[in-house]
Amino acid sequence: MTYPISRPRRLRKSEALRRLVRETHLQPSNFVYPLFVSEIVDQTTPIASMPGINNFPVKDIAAEADRAFKLGIPAVILFGTPSKKDATGSESLKTDGIIQKTIGEIKAHNPELLVITDVCLCEYTDHGHCGIIKDHDVDNDSTLEILARQAVSHVRAGADIVAPSDMMDGRVGAIRAALDDSGFAETAIMAYSAKYCSAFYGPFRDAVDSAPKFGDRQTYQMDPANAIEALKEIELDIAEGADIVMVKPALSYLDIISAARSEFAAPVAAYNVSGEYSMVKVAAQNNLVDEKRLTLEILTSIKRAGADIIITYHALEAAEWLK
């Protein structure tokens, strides 16, 4: 029998050899940990649809953020639920709003931790959509002004990076101009550039009570069938001043992450979203999967596809496992 000269199995013989030739390296410094903070809870409250994830009152948030920092996770991203919602999301602009207070709380406790803030209206509007409603749809241009004001208010409160997730056309340019005009030219924008209209967002909407009260988000979030359009969206955001671009969700869109990494020089983030997280958790609770192996395999696949930054609810556990 003639054996091949090249035997790839030689380099799989032991764990030491596998580590030596490993191509993709996952580490806690790749992660951003999402945090939910709420004005309607007075104690840490589990989110039923996201096992292991909680809604925090402002008073408890710094300790949770510090847990991430001590595990080597450099950043958190904040999502807030106000006690009052209205048609225009006006609570998002208040200097003592839920996110503004939370930024101050975290920064006072640990100024080294990077604080990223989600810039959008869906968590603040009584209709659950990501902008101002006109003629039963989200009006793009009137939404830009309030998004820009929201971003500036977050940075004034101490945010290091703002992350617009609304998918309005031109919002990165509007936010960049507003930040520059307000003296925040050095503040980075992480744009949700290719954000798809996905069924994977269900548990998140439960966590912040942001499901649309009518219709859906197909007129502004991307069609899951489209890939070329994602590259156009990313290109536009970079041209408008985005410093980091994002693909959301991650797991079903690894091809988009890979294409973004190949096409653009900007750092690429990927959001391993709530539905992806909860599927793993529920499967593990029912003894259907090895949770640690599956979680690390998923996160490694996102990194292998080209993501420099992974926003994930698995961050704390994954960081522990990777130590």
C-alpha atoms as a PDB file:
ATOM      1  CA  MET A   1       0.000   0.000   0.000  1.00  0.00           C
ATOM      2  CA  THR A   2       1.354   3.426  -0.948  1.00  0.00           C
ATOM      3  CA  TYR A   3       1.009   6.024   1.778  1.00  0.00           C
ATOM      4  CA  PRO A   4       0.817   9.768   1.086  1.00  0.00           C
ATOM      5  CA  ILE A   5       3.903  11.832   1.788  1.00  0.00           C
ATOM      6  CA  SER A   6       1.742  14.501   3.378  1.00  0.00           C
ATOM      7  CA  ARG A   7      -0.183  13.304   6.434  1.00  0.00           C
ATOM      8  CA  PRO A   8      -2.175  16.123   8.054  1.00  0.00           C
ATOM      9  CA  ARG A   9      -2.968  13.856  11.010  1.00  0.00           C
ATOM     10  CA  ARG A  10       0.647  14.136  12.161  1.00  0.00           C
ATOM     11  CA  LEU A  11      -0.149  17.628  13.438  1.00  0.00           C
ATOM     12  CA  ARG A  12      -3.264  16.481  15.299  1.00  0.00           C
ATOM     13  CA  LYS A  13      -1.509  13.828  17.378  1.00  0.00           C
ATOM     14  CA  SER A  14      -1.539  15.662  20.719  1.00  0.00           C
ATOM     15  CA  GLU A  15      -3.105  18.705  22.306  1.00  0.00           C
ATOM     16  CA  ALA A  16       0.297  20.403  22.400  1.00  0.00           C
ATOM     17  CA  LEU A  17       0.710  19.918  18.652  1.00  0.00           C
ATOM     18  CA  ARG A  18      -2.827  21.096  17.974  1.00  0.00           C
ATOM     19  CA  ARG A  19      -2.176  24.258  20.004  1.00  0.00           C
ATOM     20  CA  LEU A  20       1.118  24.837  18.191  1.00  0.00           C
ATOM     21  CA  VAL A  21      -0.466  24.919  14.726  1.00  0.00           C
ATOM     22  CA  ARG A  22      -3.851  26.400  15.672  1.00  0.00           C
ATOM     23  CA  GLU A  23      -4.893  29.098  13.212  1.00  0.00           C
ATOM     24  CA  THR A  24      -7.615  30.880  15.156  1.00  0.00           C
ATOM     25  CA  HIS A  25      -7.095  32.043  18.728  1.00  0.00           C
ATOM     26  CA  LEU A  26     -10.105  32.981  20.826  1.00  0.00           C
ATOM     27  CA  GLN A  27      -9.472  35.062  23.930  1.00  0.00           C
ATOM     28  CA  PRO A  28     -11.440  37.208  26.401  1.00  0.00           C
ATOM     29  CA  SER A  29     -10.010  40.379  24.859  1.00  0.00           C
ATOM     30  CA  ASN A  30     -12.125  39.600  21.767  1.00  0.00           C
ATOM     31  CA  PHE A  31     -15.373  39.868  23.744  1.00  0.00           C
ATOM     32  CA  VAL A  32     -17.846  42.623  24.527  1.00  0.00           C
ATOM     33  CA  TYR A  33     -20.344  41.787  27.284  1.00  0.00           C
ATOM     34  CA  PRO A  34     -23.931  43.096  26.821  1.00  0.00           C
ATOM     35  CA  LEU A  35     -25.586  44.454  29.942  1.00  0.00           C
ATOM     36  CA  PHE A  36     -29.270  45.195  30.501  1.00  0.00           C
ATOM     37  CA  VAL A  37     -30.090  47.984  32.935  1.00  0.00           C
ATOM     38  CA  SER A  38     -33.636  48.906  33.864  1.00  0.00           C
ATOM     39  CA  GLU A  39     -35.569  51.559  35.756  1.00  0.00           C
ATOM     40  CA  ILE A  40     -38.457  49.153  36.353  1.00  0.00           C
ATOM     41  CA  VAL A  41     -36.545  46.710  38.579  1.00  0.00           C
ATOM     42  CA  ASP A  42     -35.117  47.463  42.009  1.00  0.00           C
ATOM     43  CA  GLN A  43     -33.068  44.286  42.267  1.00  0.00           C
ATOM     44  CA  THR A  44     -31.189  42.018  39.873  1.00  0.00           C
ATOM     45  CA  THR A  45     -33.905  40.167  37.940  1.00  0.00           C
ATOM     46  CA  PRO A  46     -33.412  37.085  35.726  1.00  0.00           C
ATOM     47  CA  ILE A  47     -34.595  37.344  32.122  1.00  0.00           C
ATOM     48  CA  ALA A  48     -36.734  34.241  31.602  1.00  0.00           C
ATOM     49  CA  SER A  49     -35.988  33.847  27.901  1.00  0.00           C
ATOM     50  CA  MET A  50     -32.214  34.228  28.388  1.00  0.00           C
ATOM     51  CA  PRO A  51     -31.016  31.788  31.064  1.00  0.00           C
ATOM     52  CA  GLY A  52     -28.179  33.252  33.079  1.00  0.00           C
ATOM     53  CA  ILE A  53     -28.755  36.846  31.894  1.00  0.00           C
ATOM     54  CA  ASN A  54     -30.317  39.520  34.107  1.00  0.00           C
ATOM     55  CA  ASN A  55     -31.864  42.944  34.108  1.00  0.00           C
ATOM     56  CA  PHE A  56     -29.957  45.124  36.590  1.00  0.00           C
ATOM     57  CA  PRO A  57     -30.906  48.242  38.498  1.00  0.00           C
ATOM     58  CA  VAL A  58     -28.330  51.016  38.173  1.00  0.00           C
ATOM     59  CA  LYS A  59     -27.031  50.370  41.704  1.00  0.00           C
ATOM     60  CA  ASP A  60     -25.930  46.823  40.774  1.00  0.00           C
ATOM     61  CA  ILE A  61     -24.461  47.455  37.348  1.00  0.00           C
ATOM     62  CA  ALA A  62     -20.906  48.476  38.271  1.00  0.00           C
ATOM     63  CA  ALA A  63     -20.272  45.201  40.095  1.00  0.00           C
ATOM     64  CA  GLU A  64     -21.438  43.169  37.089  1.00  0.00           C
ATOM     65  CA  ALA A  65     -19.324  45.237  34.709  1.00  0.00           C
ATOM     66  CA  ASP A  66     -16.347  44.730  36.991  1.00  0.00           C
ATOM     67  CA  ARG A  67     -16.811  40.945  36.807  1.00  0.00           C
ATOM     68  CA  ALA A  68     -16.237  41.172  33.076  1.00  0.00           C
ATOM     69  CA  PHE A  69     -13.200  43.425  33.408  1.00  0.00           C
ATOM     70  CA  LYS A  70     -11.545  41.087  35.915  1.00  0.00           C
ATOM     71  CA  LEU A  71     -11.932  38.226  33.426  1.00  0.00           C
ATOM     72  CA  GLY A  72     -10.026  40.181  30.780  1.00  0.00           C
ATOM     73  CA  ILE A  73     -13.071  41.434  28.856  1.00  0.00           C
ATOM     74  CA  PRO A  74     -12.260  45.007  27.814  1.00  0.00           C
ATOM     75  CA  ALA A  75     -15.738  46.388  27.111  1.00  0.00           C
ATOM     76  CA  VAL A  76     -19.442  46.255  27.886  1.00  0.00           C
ATOM     77  CA  ILE A  77     -22.327  47.433  25.726  1.00  0.00           C
ATOM     78  CA  LEU A  78     -25.372  48.895  27.466  1.00  0.00           C
ATOM     79  CA  PHE A  79     -29.093  48.494  26.761  1.00  0.00           C
ATOM     80  CA  GLY A  80     -31.589  50.397  28.899  1.00  0.00           C
ATOM     81  CA  THR A  81     -35.250  50.116  29.756  1.00  0.00           C
ATOM     82  CA  PRO A  82     -36.794  53.398  31.001  1.00  0.00           C
ATOM     83  CA  SER A  83     -39.761  53.595  33.334  1.00  0.00           C
ATOM     84  CA  LYS A  84     -41.674  55.664  30.772  1.00  0.00           C
ATOM     85  CA  LYS A  85     -41.919  55.336  26.999  1.00  0.00           C
ATOM     86  CA  ASP A  86     -43.443  57.672  24.424  1.00  0.00           C
ATOM     87  CA  ALA A  87     -43.814  58.060  20.671  1.00  0.00           C
ATOM     88  CA  THR A  88     -40.466  59.800  20.170  1.00  0.00           C
ATOM     89  CA  GLY A  89     -38.284  58.027  22.740  1.00  0.00           C
ATOM     90  CA  SER A  90     -37.665  61.303  24.562  1.00  0.00           C
ATOM     91  CA  GLU A  91     -36.406  59.533  27.707  1.00  0.00           C
ATOM     92  CA  SER A  92     -33.301  58.543  25.750  1.00  0.00           C
ATOM     93  CA  LEU A  93     -32.117  62.185  25.709  1.00  0.00           C
ATOM     94  CA  LYS A  94     -32.281  62.984  29.416  1.00  0.00           C
ATOM     95  CA  THR A  95     -29.049  63.749  31.255  1.00  0.00           C
ATOM     96  CA  ASP A  96     -30.357  61.555  34.072  1.00  0.00           C
ATOM     97  CA  GLY A  97     -31.729  58.879  31.733  1.00  0.00           C
ATOM     98  CA  ILE A  98     -31.171  55.211  32.427  1.00  0.00           C
ATOM     99  CA  ILE A  99     -28.126  54.843  30.160  1.00  0.00           C
ATOM    100  CA  GLN A 100     -26.620  58.196  31.104  1.00  0.00           C
ATOM    101  CA  LYS A 101     -26.804  57.290  34.814  1.00  0.00           C
ATOM    102  CA  THR A 102     -25.409  53.829  34.138  1.00  0.00           C
ATOM    103  CA  ILE A 103     -22.400  55.172  32.252  1.00  0.00           C
ATOM    104  CA  GLY A 104     -21.572  57.424  35.174  1.00  0.00           C
ATOM    105  CA  GLU A 105     -21.944  54.584  37.651  1.00  0.00           C
ATOM    106  CA  ILE A 106     -19.608  52.280  35.722  1.00  0.00           C
ATOM    107  CA  LYS A 107     -17.018  54.940  34.960  1.00  0.00           C
ATOM    108  CA  ALA A 108     -16.914  56.126  38.586  1.00  0.00           C
ATOM    109  CA  HIS A 109     -16.193  52.556  39.663  1.00  0.00           C
ATOM    110  CA  ASN A 110     -13.814  51.525  36.875  1.00  0.00           C
ATOM    111  CA  PRO A 111     -12.674  54.208  34.411  1.00  0.00           C
ATOM    112  CA  GLU A 112     -10.514  51.707  32.498  1.00  0.00           C
ATOM    113  CA  LEU A 113     -13.460  49.614  31.303  1.00  0.00           C
ATOM    114  CA  LEU A 114     -14.663  50.610  27.831  1.00  0.00           C
ATOM    115  CA  VAL A 115     -18.336  51.553  27.792  1.00  0.00           C
ATOM    116  CA  ILE A 116     -20.190  51.183  24.503  1.00  0.00           C
ATOM    117  CA  THR A 117     -23.773  52.389  24.240  1.00  0.00           C
ATOM    118  CA  ASP A 118     -26.507  51.216  21.921  1.00  0.00           C
ATOM    119  CA  VAL A 119     -27.951  54.224  20.088  1.00  0.00           C
ATOM    120  CA  CYS A 120     -31.513  53.470  19.021  1.00  0.00           C
ATOM    121  CA  LEU A 121     -35.091  54.321  19.948  1.00  0.00           C
ATOM    122  CA  CYS A 122     -36.786  50.914  20.128  1.00  0.00           C
ATOM    123  CA  GLU A 123     -36.136  50.562  23.869  1.00  0.00           C
ATOM    124  CA  TYR A 124     -37.685  54.003  24.515  1.00  0.00           C
ATOM    125  CA  THR A 125     -40.697  54.194  22.186  1.00  0.00           C
ATOM    126  CA  ASP A 126     -44.173  53.058  23.144  1.00  0.00           C
ATOM    127  CA  HIS A 127     -44.641  51.596  19.648  1.00  0.00           C
ATOM    128  CA  GLY A 128     -41.405  49.564  19.751  1.00  0.00           C
ATOM    129  CA  HIS A 129     -39.976  50.811  16.466  1.00  0.00           C
ATOM    130  CA  CYS A 130     -36.482  52.261  16.018  1.00  0.00           C
ATOM    131  CA  GLY A 131     -37.494  55.758  14.979  1.00  0.00           C
ATOM    132  CA  ILE A 132     -40.156  58.424  14.566  1.00  0.00           C
ATOM    133  CA  ILE A 133     -43.405  57.139  13.049  1.00  0.00           C
ATOM    134  CA  LYS A 134     -45.012  58.952  10.127  1.00  0.00           C
ATOM    135  CA  ASP A 135     -47.695  57.430   7.923  1.00  0.00           C
ATOM    136  CA  HIS A 136     -47.475  54.142   9.817  1.00  0.00           C
ATOM    137  CA  ASP A 137     -43.772  53.654   9.074  1.00  0.00           C
ATOM    138  CA  VAL A 138     -40.463  54.847  10.485  1.00  0.00           C
ATOM    139  CA  ASP A 139     -39.483  58.192   8.972  1.00  0.00           C
ATOM    140  CA  ASN A 140     -35.790  58.072   8.190  1.00  0.00           C
ATOM    141  CA  ASP A 141     -34.697  61.703   8.207  1.00  0.00           C
ATOM    142  CA  SER A 142     -36.652  62.947  11.225  1.00  0.00           C
ATOM    143  CA  THR A 143     -35.188  60.030  13.197  1.00  0.00           C
ATOM    144  CA  LEU A 144     -31.591  61.103  12.473  1.00  0.00           C
ATOM    145  CA  GLU A 145     -31.796  64.215  14.631  1.00  0.00           C
ATOM    146  CA  ILE A 146     -32.896  62.408  17.774  1.00  0.00           C
ATOM    147  CA  LEU A 147     -30.333  59.628  17.233  1.00  0.00           C
ATOM    148  CA  ALA A 148     -27.572  62.224  16.934  1.00  0.00           C
ATOM    149  CA  ARG A 149     -28.738  63.961  20.116  1.00  0.00           C
ATOM    150  CA  GLN A 150     -28.900  60.629  21.929  1.00  0.00           C
ATOM    151  CA  ALA A 151     -25.339  59.772  20.895  1.00  0.00           C
ATOM    152  CA  VAL A 152     -24.027  63.138  22.081  1.00  0.00           C
ATOM    153  CA  SER A 153     -25.798  62.733  25.429  1.00  0.00           C
ATOM    154  CA  HIS A 154     -24.171  59.324  25.920  1.00  0.00           C
ATOM    155  CA  VAL A 155     -20.717  60.689  25.206  1.00  0.00           C
ATOM    156  CA  ARG A 156     -21.256  63.648  27.519  1.00  0.00           C
ATOM    157  CA  ALA A 157     -22.100  61.107  30.219  1.00  0.00           C
ATOM    158  CA  GLY A 158     -18.778  59.319  29.588  1.00  0.00           C
ATOM    159  CA  ALA A 159     -19.374  56.693  26.854  1.00  0.00           C
ATOM    160  CA  ASP A 160     -16.231  55.637  25.000  1.00  0.00           C
ATOM    161  CA  ILE A 161     -17.960  54.325  21.863  1.00  0.00           C
ATOM    162  CA  VAL A 162     -21.474  54.837  20.495  1.00  0.00           C
ATOM    163  CA  ALA A 163     -23.120  52.075  18.491  1.00  0.00           C
ATOM    164  CA  PRO A 164     -26.098  53.089  16.325  1.00  0.00           C
ATOM    165  CA  SER A 165     -28.301  50.033  15.731  1.00  0.00           C
ATOM    166  CA  ASP A 166     -31.343  51.621  14.091  1.00  0.00           C
ATOM    167  CA  MET A 167     -30.414  51.026  10.407  1.00  0.00           C
ATOM    168  CA  MET A 168     -31.578  54.457   9.260  1.00  0.00           C
ATOM    169  CA  ASP A 169     -29.870  55.681   6.099  1.00  0.00           C
ATOM    170  CA  GLY A 170     -27.300  58.361   6.901  1.00  0.00           C
ATOM    171  CA  ARG A 171     -27.318  57.970  10.650  1.00  0.00           C
ATOM    172  CA  VAL A 172     -23.550  57.421  10.969  1.00  0.00           C
ATOM    173  CA  GLY A 173     -22.881  60.676   9.144  1.00  0.00           C
ATOM    174  CA  ALA A 174     -25.418  62.534  11.270  1.00  0.00           C
ATOM    175  CA  ILE A 175     -23.943  61.169  14.495  1.00  0.00           C
ATOM    176  CA  ARG A 176     -20.376  61.844  13.362  1.00  0.00           C
ATOM    177  CA  ALA A 177     -21.228  65.458  12.551  1.00  0.00           C
ATOM    178  CA  ALA A 178     -23.045  65.938  15.877  1.00  0.00           C
ATOM    179  CA  LEU A 179     -20.174  64.464  17.885  1.00  0.00           C
ATOM    180  CA  ASP A 180     -17.611  66.580  16.040  1.00  0.00           C
ATOM    181  CA  ASP A 181     -19.669  69.750  16.487  1.00  0.00           C
ATOM    182  CA  SER A 182     -19.991  68.994  20.220  1.00  0.00           C
ATOM    183  CA  GLY A 183     -16.237  68.609  20.744  1.00  0.00           C
ATOM    184  CA  PHE A 184     -16.158  64.796  20.629  1.00  0.00           C
ATOM    185  CA  ALA A 185     -14.156  64.267  17.437  1.00  0.00           C
ATOM    186  CA  GLU A 186     -12.101  61.545  19.172  1.00  0.00           C
ATOM    187  CA  THR A 187     -15.107  59.385  20.105  1.00  0.00           C
ATOM    188  CA  ALA A 188     -15.453  56.239  17.997  1.00  0.00           C
ATOM    189  CA  ILE A 189     -18.584  54.957  16.277  1.00  0.00           C
ATOM    190  CA  MET A 190     -19.287  51.227  16.075  1.00  0.00           C
ATOM    191  CA  ALA A 191     -21.985  50.999  13.428  1.00  0.00           C
ATOM    192  CA  TYR A 192     -24.470  48.149  13.233  1.00  0.00           C
ATOM    193  CA  SER A 193     -23.778  48.246   9.508  1.00  0.00           C
ATOM    194  CA  ALA A 194     -25.272  44.954   8.300  1.00  0.00           C
ATOM    195  CA  LYS A 195     -28.129  44.354  10.715  1.00  0.00           C
ATOM    196  CA  TYR A 196     -30.575  41.818   9.374  1.00  0.00           C
ATOM    197  CA  CYS A 197     -34.300  41.574  10.063  1.00  0.00           C
ATOM    198  CA  SER A 198     -33.866  38.333  11.972  1.00  0.00           C
ATOM    199  CA  ALA A 199     -35.977  35.929  13.997  1.00  0.00           C
ATOM    200  CA  PHE A 200     -32.999  35.505  16.340  1.00  0.00           C
ATOM    201  CA  TYR A 201     -33.805  38.720  18.258  1.00  0.00           C
ATOM    202  CA  GLY A 202     -36.820  37.413  20.169  1.00  0.00           C
ATOM    203  CA  PRO A 203     -35.307  37.023  23.651  1.00  0.00           C
ATOM    204  CA  PHE A 204     -33.688  40.477  23.482  1.00  0.00           C
ATOM    205  CA  ARG A 205     -37.024  42.090  22.723  1.00  0.00           C
ATOM    206  CA  ASP A 206     -38.448  40.286  25.730  1.00  0.00           C
ATOM    207  CA  ALA A 207     -35.631  41.644  27.897  1.00  0.00           C
ATOM    208  CA  VAL A 208     -36.209  45.303  27.011  1.00  0.00           C
ATOM    209  CA  ASP A 209     -39.899  45.145  25.979  1.00  0.00           C
ATOM    210  CA  SER A 210     -39.090  46.432  22.487  1.00  0.00           C
ATOM    211  CA  ALA A 211     -41.168  44.231  20.196  1.00  0.00           C
ATOM    212  CA  PRO A 212     -42.985  46.390  17.589  1.00  0.00           C
ATOM    213  CA  LYS A 213     -46.590  47.045  18.517  1.00  0.00           C
ATOM    214  CA  PHE A 214     -47.535  46.973  14.842  1.00  0.00           C
ATOM    215  CA  GLY A 215     -45.905  45.705  11.676  1.00  0.00           C
ATOM    216  CA  ASP A 216     -42.272  44.638  11.665  1.00  0.00           C
ATOM    217  CA  ARG A 217     -38.823  46.078  10.892  1.00  0.00           C
ATOM    218  CA  GLN A 218     -38.436  44.865   7.328  1.00  0.00           C
ATOM    219  CA  THR A 219     -38.517  48.384   5.882  1.00  0.00           C
ATOM    220  CA  TYR A 220     -35.276  49.309   7.634  1.00  0.00           C
ATOM    221  CA  GLN A 221     -33.437  46.160   8.734  1.00  0.00           C
ATOM    222  CA  MET A 222     -31.835  44.037   6.016  1.00  0.00           C
ATOM    223  CA  ASP A 223     -33.388  41.139   4.109  1.00  0.00           C
ATOM    224  CA  PRO A 224     -31.670  37.898   5.289  1.00  0.00           C
ATOM    225  CA  ALA A 225     -31.412  36.793   1.648  1.00  0.00           C
ATOM    226  CA  ASN A 226     -29.056  39.638   0.694  1.00  0.00           C
ATOM    227  CA  ALA A 227     -25.256  39.596   0.839  1.00  0.00           C
ATOM    228  CA  ILE A 228     -24.101  42.169  -1.716  1.00  0.00           C
ATOM    229  CA  GLU A 229     -26.341  44.744  -0.047  1.00  0.00           C
ATOM    230  CA  ALA A 230     -24.507  44.155   3.240  1.00  0.00           C
ATOM    231  CA  LEU A 231     -21.230  45.198   1.659  1.00  0.00           C
ATOM    232  CA  LYS A 232     -22.896  48.323   0.296  1.00  0.00           C
ATOM    233  CA  GLU A 233     -24.220  49.185   3.770  1.00  0.00           C
ATOM    234  CA  ILE A 234     -20.769  48.674   5.308  1.00  0.00           C
ATOM    235  CA  GLU A 235     -19.101  50.770   2.611  1.00  0.00           C
ATOM    236  CA  LEU A 236     -21.567  53.610   3.178  1.00  0.00           C
ATOM    237  CA  ASP A 237     -21.042  53.554   6.948  1.00  0.00           C
ATOM    238  CA  ILE A 238     -17.262  53.693   6.593  1.00  0.00           C
ATOM    239  CA  ALA A 239     -17.604  56.601   4.157  1.00  0.00           C
ATOM    240  CA  GLU A 240     -19.787  58.410   6.708  1.00  0.00           C
ATOM    241  CA  GLY A 241     -17.237  57.958   9.496  1.00  0.00           C
ATOM    242  CA  ALA A 242     -17.769  54.569  11.140  1.00  0.00           C
ATOM    243  CA  ASP A 243     -14.631  53.394  12.960  1.00  0.00           C
ATOM    244  CA  ILE A 244     -15.864  49.818  13.543  1.00  0.00           C
ATOM    245  CA  VAL A 245     -18.484  47.982  11.491  1.00  0.00           C
ATOM    246  CA  MET A 246     -20.756  45.218  12.714  1.00  0.00           C
ATOM    247  CA  VAL A 247     -22.610  42.226  11.311  1.00  0.00           C
ATOM    248  CA  LYS A 248     -25.694  41.128  13.247  1.00  0.00           C
ATOM    249  CA  PRO A 249     -26.619  38.302  13.862  1.00  0.00           C
ATOM    250  CA  ALA A 250     -23.380  36.305  13.721  1.00  0.00           C
ATOM    251  CA  LEU A 251     -23.992  32.578  13.474  1.00  0.00           C
ATOM    252  CA  SER A 252     -26.235  32.508  10.381  1.00  0.00           C
ATOM    253  CA  TYR A 253     -24.212  35.291   8.759  1.00  0.00           C
ATOM    254  CA  LEU A 254     -20.650  33.959   8.906  1.00  0.00           C
ATOM    255  CA  ASP A 255     -20.398  34.494   5.157  1.00  0.00           C
ATOM    256  CA  ILE A 256     -21.135  38.205   5.636  1.00  0.00           C
ATOM    257  CA  ILE A 257     -18.516  38.474   8.382  1.00  0.00           C
ATOM    258  CA  SER A 258     -15.978  36.807   6.103  1.00  0.00           C
ATOM    259  CA  ALA A 259     -16.822  39.073   3.173  1.00  0.00           C
ATOM    260  CA  ALA A 260     -16.613  42.179   5.359  1.00  0.00           C
ATOM    261  CA  ARG A 261     -13.210  41.118   6.668  1.00  0.00           C
ATOM    262  CA  SER A 262     -11.972  40.520   3.108  1.00  0.00           C
ATOM    263  CA  GLU A 263     -13.332  43.742   1.646  1.00  0.00           C
ATOM    264  CA  PHE A 264     -12.683  46.381   4.300  1.00  0.00           C
ATOM    265  CA  ALA A 265      -9.776  47.513   6.472  1.00  0.00           C
ATOM    266  CA  ALA A 266     -11.960  48.617   9.399  1.00  0.00           C
ATOM    267  CA  PRO A 267     -12.291  46.401  12.491  1.00  0.00           C
ATOM    268  CA  VAL A 268     -15.223  44.005  12.135  1.00  0.00           C
ATOM    269  CA  ALA A 269     -17.545  43.238  15.048  1.00  0.00           C
ATOM    270  CA  ALA A 270     -20.135  40.455  15.104  1.00  0.00           C
ATOM    271  CA  TYR A 271     -23.095  40.221  17.466  1.00  0.00           C
ATOM    272  CA  ASN A 272     -23.772  36.694  18.744  1.00  0.00           C
ATOM    273  CA  VAL A 273     -27.383  37.585  19.492  1.00  0.00           C
ATOM    274  CA  SER A 274     -29.928  36.561  22.104  1.00  0.00           C
ATOM    275  CA  GLY A 275     -31.647  33.817  20.098  1.00  0.00           C
ATOM    276  CA  GLU A 276     -28.310  32.196  19.295  1.00  0.00           C
ATOM    277  CA  TYR A 277     -27.399  32.324  22.977  1.00  0.00           C
ATOM    278  CA  SER A 278     -30.720  30.985  24.249  1.00  0.00           C
ATOM    279  CA  MET A 279     -30.740  28.037  21.820  1.00  0.00           C
ATOM    280  CA  VAL A 280     -27.455  26.836  23.298  1.00  0.00           C
ATOM    281  CA  LYS A 281     -28.673  27.344  26.855  1.00  0.00           C
ATOM    282  CA  VAL A 282     -31.957  25.499  26.337  1.00  0.00           C
ATOM    283  CA  ALA A 283     -30.215  22.635  24.553  1.00  0.00           C
ATOM    284  CA  ALA A 284     -27.712  22.365  27.417  1.00  0.00           C
ATOM    285  CA  GLN A 285     -30.469  22.430  30.035  1.00  0.00           C
ATOM    286  CA  ASN A 286     -32.024  19.440  28.265  1.00  0.00           C
ATOM    287  CA  ASN A 287     -28.702  17.555  28.116  1.00  0.00           C
ATOM    288  CA  LEU A 288     -28.686  17.665  24.326  1.00  0.00           C
ATOM    289  CA  VAL A 289     -25.244  19.262  23.953  1.00  0.00           C
ATOM    290  CA  ASP A 290     -21.957  19.804  25.758  1.00  0.00           C
ATOM    291  CA  GLU A 291     -22.447  23.482  26.554  1.00  0.00           C
ATOM    292  CA  LYS A 292     -18.791  24.430  26.969  1.00  0.00           C
ATOM    293  CA  ARG A 293     -17.656  22.715  23.768  1.00  0.00           C
ATOM    294  CA  LEU A 294     -20.568  24.031  21.723  1.00  0.00           C
ATOM    295  CA  THR A 295     -20.221  27.596  22.989  1.00  0.00           C
ATOM    296  CA  LEU A 296     -16.498  27.759  22.315  1.00  0.00           C
ATOM    297  CA  GLU A 297     -16.987  26.141  18.900  1.00  0.00           C
ATOM    298  CA  ILE A 298     -19.556  28.775  17.952  1.00  0.00           C
ATOM    299  CA  LEU A 299     -17.412  31.664  19.187  1.00  0.00           C
ATOM    300  CA  THR A 300     -14.349  30.249  17.436  1.00  0.00           C
ATOM    301  CA  SER A 301     -16.310  29.980  14.179  1.00  0.00           C
ATOM    302  CA  ILE A 302     -17.261  33.656  14.453  1.00  0.00           C
ATOM    303  CA  LYS A 303     -13.630  34.609  15.051  1.00  0.00           C
ATOM    304  CA  ARG A 304     -12.448  32.300  12.255  1.00  0.00           C
ATOM    305  CA  ALA A 305     -14.895  33.943   9.848  1.00  0.00           C
ATOM    306  CA  GLY A 306     -13.099  37.232  10.447  1.00  0.00           C
ATOM    307  CA  ALA A 307     -14.640  38.997  13.442  1.00  0.00           C
ATOM    308  CA  ASP A 308     -12.157  41.034  15.454  1.00  0.00           C
ATOM    309  CA  ILE A 309     -14.768  41.768  18.128  1.00  0.00           C
ATOM    310  CA  ILE A 310     -17.520  39.425  19.350  1.00  0.00           C
ATOM    311  CA  ILE A 311     -20.462  40.809  21.299  1.00  0.00           C
ATOM    312  CA  THR A 312     -21.805  37.809  23.190  1.00  0.00           C
ATOM    313  CA  TYR A 313     -23.937  36.908  26.199  1.00  0.00           C
ATOM    314  CA  HIS A 314     -21.589  33.947  26.669  1.00  0.00           C
ATOM    315  CA  ALA A 315     -18.737  36.369  27.467  1.00  0.00           C
ATOM    316  CA  LEU A 316     -18.321  35.681  31.193  1.00  0.00           C
ATOM    317  CA  GLU A 317     -18.540  31.899  30.939  1.00  0.00           C
ATOM    318  CA  ALA A 318     -16.387  31.760  27.827  1.00  0.00           C
ATOM    319  CA  ALA A 319     -13.733  33.937  29.475  1.00  0.00           C
ATOM    320  CA  GLU A 320     -13.697  31.589  32.474  1.00  0.00           C
ATOM    321  CA  TRP A 321     -13.347  28.538  30.215  1.00  0.00           C
ATOM    322  CA  LEU A 322     -10.520  30.135  28.249  1.00  0.00           C
ATOM    323  CA  LYS A 323      -8.418  30.984  31.314  1.00  0.00           C
END
